Amino acid sequence: MINREKILAATSKAKSEYDGFSRSTQLLVIIGFAGLLLLGVAETWRMSDDIRQETAALVEQINRTSNAKSNLRPAFRNQVQALGSMRLPDRKLSTLAAERNIFNSLNEILKSYKAEMISIDLSPGANLPMSAAPGIKRGPGEKLAKIIGRIEFDCAEDVATKVVSEIEDNPEIYSISRLQISRYNSGQEEFRRLVNVDITLESWVMKSTLGRRGR
């Protein structure tokens, strides 16, 4: 039988912690719980431990973001906090090599959860201006470049949040800027209790433009 007093105490504690978060942190917590509700995790009390673990993981991710390199300008740091955790490049890779590493990492994660990849697209994005992160040393001809990826896959609804968590924690991925999880309402997908996950992610690479004309 569920202990009502324990539930009320846990609820009160969670509300107190939530009220202490910043506005951007509260938004991330709301997004996290919305994803859990969409997957039906909150449909039963027996999943309360899983919810608590998901919340703890989300708060840890937020803390990791808050403790990111202090040499980032405030405007850029706020953008990082709004979009997700970011791990600054710790080695030099070509854009092509970085995209290949991301592709291989995503494939391994989906394979481990028996998720089916529907589509994946990785493409180079804008360069990060020197003024946004002046503390990140760049040599002659080096630029900190963004890689933008979009991946769509189907997976069992009970592992969707785990897959997303592993993608976000992977060292090849610097942030997840958009996440959409949808239930199937018909067909074999509904019978198999599958959900469709659509993610836009970002990564960064230090690239050299020396020896390239027009750069």
Protein backbone atom coordinates (compact mmCIF):
# COMPACT_ATOMS: atom_id res chain seq x y z
CA MET A 1 0.00 0.00 0.00
CA ILE A 2 1.27 3.49 -0.83
CA ASN A 3 2.25 5.57 2.21
CA ARG A 4 0.35 8.84 1.70
CA GLU A 5 2.53 10.82 4.12
CA LYS A 6 5.72 9.79 2.30
CA ILE A 7 4.20 10.80 -1.01
CA LEU A 8 3.18 14.22 0.34
CA ALA A 9 6.61 14.75 1.89
CA ALA A 10 8.34 13.82 -1.35
CA THR A 11 6.03 16.14 -3.29
CA SER A 12 6.70 19.02 -0.91
CA LYS A 13 10.45 18.47 -1.15
CA ALA A 14 10.35 18.35 -4.95
CA LYS A 15 8.32 21.58 -5.07
CA SER A 16 10.77 23.31 -2.74
CA GLU A 17 13.73 22.26 -4.89
CA TYR A 18 11.89 23.32 -8.04
CA ASP A 19 11.14 26.79 -6.63
CA GLY A 20 14.85 27.23 -5.94
CA PHE A 21 15.81 26.67 -9.59
CA SER A 22 16.44 29.53 -12.02
CA ARG A 23 13.84 30.26 -14.69
CA SER A 24 15.82 28.41 -17.38
CA THR A 25 16.34 25.43 -15.08
CA GLN A 26 12.62 25.29 -14.25
CA LEU A 27 11.87 25.25 -17.99
CA LEU A 28 14.18 22.27 -18.51
CA VAL A 29 12.56 20.43 -15.60
CA ILE A 30 9.11 21.06 -17.08
CA ILE A 31 10.28 19.78 -20.47
CA GLY A 32 11.72 16.69 -18.80
CA PHE A 33 8.49 15.89 -17.00
CA ALA A 34 6.45 16.58 -20.13
CA GLY A 35 8.47 13.93 -21.94
CA LEU A 36 7.90 11.48 -19.10
CA LEU A 37 4.17 12.13 -19.09
CA LEU A 38 4.01 11.68 -22.86
CA LEU A 39 5.56 8.25 -22.50
CA GLY A 40 3.08 7.28 -19.82
CA VAL A 41 5.65 7.02 -17.06
CA ALA A 42 3.42 8.99 -14.72
CA GLU A 43 0.47 6.68 -15.28
CA THR A 44 1.37 4.54 -12.27
CA TRP A 45 2.85 5.16 -8.83
CA ARG A 46 5.24 2.26 -9.15
CA MET A 47 7.29 4.36 -11.59
CA SER A 48 7.99 7.09 -8.99
CA ASP A 49 11.58 5.91 -8.53
CA ASP A 50 12.20 6.18 -12.27
CA ILE A 51 10.79 9.71 -12.28
CA ARG A 52 13.04 10.68 -9.40
CA GLN A 53 16.06 9.24 -11.23
CA GLU A 54 15.16 11.08 -14.43
CA THR A 55 14.83 14.35 -12.49
CA ALA A 56 18.15 13.79 -10.74
CA ALA A 57 19.82 13.14 -14.08
CA LEU A 58 18.27 16.30 -15.51
CA VAL A 59 19.47 18.40 -12.57
CA GLU A 60 22.96 16.88 -12.90
CA GLN A 61 22.98 17.84 -16.58
CA ILE A 62 21.95 21.40 -15.65
CA ASN A 63 24.69 21.61 -13.04
CA ARG A 64 27.23 20.40 -15.60
CA THR A 65 26.12 23.21 -17.88
CA SER A 66 26.28 25.81 -15.11
CA ASN A 67 29.86 24.78 -14.35
CA ALA A 68 30.96 25.03 -17.98
CA LYS A 69 34.07 26.99 -18.92
CA SER A 70 33.85 30.40 -17.24
CA ASN A 71 35.60 32.10 -20.17
CA LEU A 72 32.43 32.05 -22.25
CA ARG A 73 30.72 35.38 -22.69
CA PRO A 74 27.45 35.65 -20.66
CA ALA A 75 25.23 35.86 -23.75
CA PHE A 76 26.68 32.67 -25.20
CA ARG A 77 26.70 30.94 -21.80
CA ASN A 78 22.98 31.71 -21.41
CA GLN A 79 22.31 30.20 -24.83
CA VAL A 80 24.15 27.04 -23.81
CA GLN A 81 22.10 26.79 -20.61
CA ALA A 82 18.89 27.19 -22.57
CA LEU A 83 19.74 24.53 -25.15
CA GLY A 84 21.55 21.96 -23.06
CA SER A 85 24.92 20.86 -21.79
CA MET A 86 27.95 21.60 -23.93
CA ARG A 87 31.35 19.97 -23.82
CA LEU A 88 34.00 22.10 -25.46
CA PRO A 89 36.27 20.35 -28.01
CA ASP A 90 39.24 18.68 -26.36
CA ARG A 91 40.95 17.54 -29.56
CA LYS A 92 41.29 18.61 -33.18
CA LEU A 93 39.27 16.78 -35.81
CA SER A 94 38.27 17.51 -39.36
CA THR A 95 34.58 18.17 -39.80
CA LEU A 96 34.25 14.95 -41.80
CA ALA A 97 35.97 12.90 -39.07
CA ALA A 98 33.77 14.46 -36.40
CA GLU A 99 30.62 13.68 -38.40
CA ARG A 100 31.78 10.08 -38.83
CA ASN A 101 32.36 9.73 -35.08
CA ILE A 102 28.90 11.12 -34.34
CA PHE A 103 27.30 8.75 -36.86
CA ASN A 104 29.09 5.72 -35.40
CA SER A 105 28.22 6.71 -31.83
CA LEU A 106 24.53 7.15 -32.65
CA ASN A 107 24.45 3.81 -34.45
CA GLU A 108 25.96 2.04 -31.43
CA ILE A 109 23.47 3.61 -29.02
CA LEU A 110 20.44 2.73 -31.15
CA LYS A 111 21.74 -0.80 -31.68
CA SER A 112 22.17 -1.36 -27.94
CA TYR A 113 18.48 -0.54 -27.37
CA LYS A 114 17.21 -2.28 -30.51
CA ALA A 115 15.99 1.04 -31.87
CA GLU A 116 15.38 1.43 -35.60
CA MET A 117 16.95 4.42 -37.30
CA ILE A 118 14.56 6.12 -39.71
CA SER A 119 16.84 8.88 -40.95
CA ILE A 120 19.98 10.79 -40.04
CA ASP A 121 21.45 13.96 -41.46
CA LEU A 122 24.71 15.58 -40.35
CA SER A 123 25.91 18.84 -41.84
CA PRO A 124 28.37 21.64 -41.00
CA GLY A 125 26.89 24.77 -39.48
CA ALA A 126 28.16 28.22 -38.61
CA ASN A 127 31.56 28.94 -37.10
CA LEU A 128 31.64 30.19 -33.51
CA PRO A 129 33.01 33.77 -33.54
CA MET A 130 36.14 34.47 -31.51
CA SER A 131 34.25 37.11 -29.50
CA ALA A 132 31.82 34.49 -28.13
CA ALA A 133 34.53 32.37 -26.50
CA PRO A 134 37.75 34.42 -26.32
CA GLY A 135 39.30 32.07 -23.77
CA ILE A 136 39.37 29.13 -26.18
CA LYS A 137 42.74 29.26 -27.87
CA ARG A 138 42.76 28.98 -31.64
CA GLY A 139 45.88 28.82 -33.75
CA PRO A 140 46.44 30.46 -37.14
CA GLY A 141 43.67 29.46 -39.52
CA GLU A 142 41.73 27.53 -36.86
CA LYS A 143 38.00 27.95 -36.36
CA LEU A 144 35.60 26.48 -33.84
CA ALA A 145 32.87 25.10 -36.09
CA LYS A 146 29.40 23.79 -35.38
CA ILE A 147 28.01 20.49 -36.67
CA ILE A 148 24.23 20.17 -36.79
CA GLY A 149 22.57 16.78 -36.87
CA ARG A 150 19.03 15.51 -37.07
CA ILE A 151 18.20 11.92 -36.24
CA GLU A 152 14.83 10.17 -36.27
CA PHE A 153 14.26 6.67 -34.92
CA ASP A 154 11.63 4.30 -33.55
CA CYS A 155 12.06 2.50 -30.25
CA ALA A 156 10.08 0.84 -27.47
CA GLU A 157 8.34 3.49 -25.38
CA ASP A 158 9.92 2.24 -22.15
CA VAL A 159 13.48 2.91 -23.37
CA ALA A 160 12.97 6.21 -25.21
CA THR A 161 14.21 8.43 -22.36
CA LYS A 162 17.18 6.12 -21.81
CA VAL A 163 18.20 6.39 -25.47
CA VAL A 164 17.90 10.18 -25.37
CA SER A 165 19.93 10.31 -22.15
CA GLU A 166 22.74 8.23 -23.66
CA ILE A 167 22.81 10.39 -26.78
CA GLU A 168 23.05 13.54 -24.67
CA ASP A 169 25.81 12.09 -22.47
CA ASN A 170 27.88 10.81 -25.39
CA PRO A 171 31.20 12.67 -25.66
CA GLU A 172 30.69 13.18 -29.40
CA ILE A 173 27.47 15.16 -28.76
CA TYR A 174 27.67 18.63 -27.24
CA SER A 175 23.98 19.49 -26.89
CA ILE A 176 20.44 18.55 -27.87
CA SER A 177 18.57 21.62 -29.09
CA ARG A 178 15.25 19.99 -29.99
CA LEU A 179 13.44 16.81 -28.94
CA GLN A 180 10.09 15.45 -30.08
CA ILE A 181 8.59 12.12 -28.98
CA SER A 182 5.37 10.92 -30.64
CA ARG A 183 3.16 7.90 -30.08
CA TYR A 184 1.87 5.80 -32.96
CA ASN A 185 -1.92 5.62 -33.14
CA SER A 186 -2.25 2.80 -35.64
CA GLY A 187 -0.50 -0.06 -37.40
CA GLN A 188 2.16 -2.46 -36.22
CA GLU A 189 4.01 0.37 -34.50
CA GLU A 190 1.08 0.93 -32.11
CA PHE A 191 0.71 -2.81 -31.50
CA ARG A 192 4.42 -3.07 -30.65
CA ARG A 193 4.15 -0.01 -28.36
CA LEU A 194 6.71 1.97 -30.31
CA VAL A 195 7.32 5.71 -30.22
CA ASN A 196 8.96 7.95 -32.79
CA VAL A 197 11.83 10.12 -31.56
CA ASP A 198 13.03 13.13 -33.55
CA ILE A 199 16.16 14.90 -32.27
CA THR A 200 18.19 17.88 -33.43
CA LEU A 201 21.67 17.87 -31.93
CA GLU A 202 24.82 19.95 -32.06
CA SER A 203 28.52 19.22 -31.89
CA TRP A 204 31.65 21.34 -32.22
CA VAL A 205 34.99 20.76 -33.89
CA MET A 206 38.20 22.77 -34.14
CA LYS A 207 38.96 22.90 -37.84
CA SER A 208 41.86 24.37 -39.78
CA THR A 209 41.34 26.48 -42.88
CA LEU A 210 45.02 26.87 -43.76
CA GLY A 211 45.79 26.11 -47.38
CA ARG A 212 42.17 26.58 -48.49
CA ARG A 213 41.43 29.29 -50.98
CA GLY A 214 38.68 31.71 -50.23
CA ARG A 215 38.81 31.05 -46.49
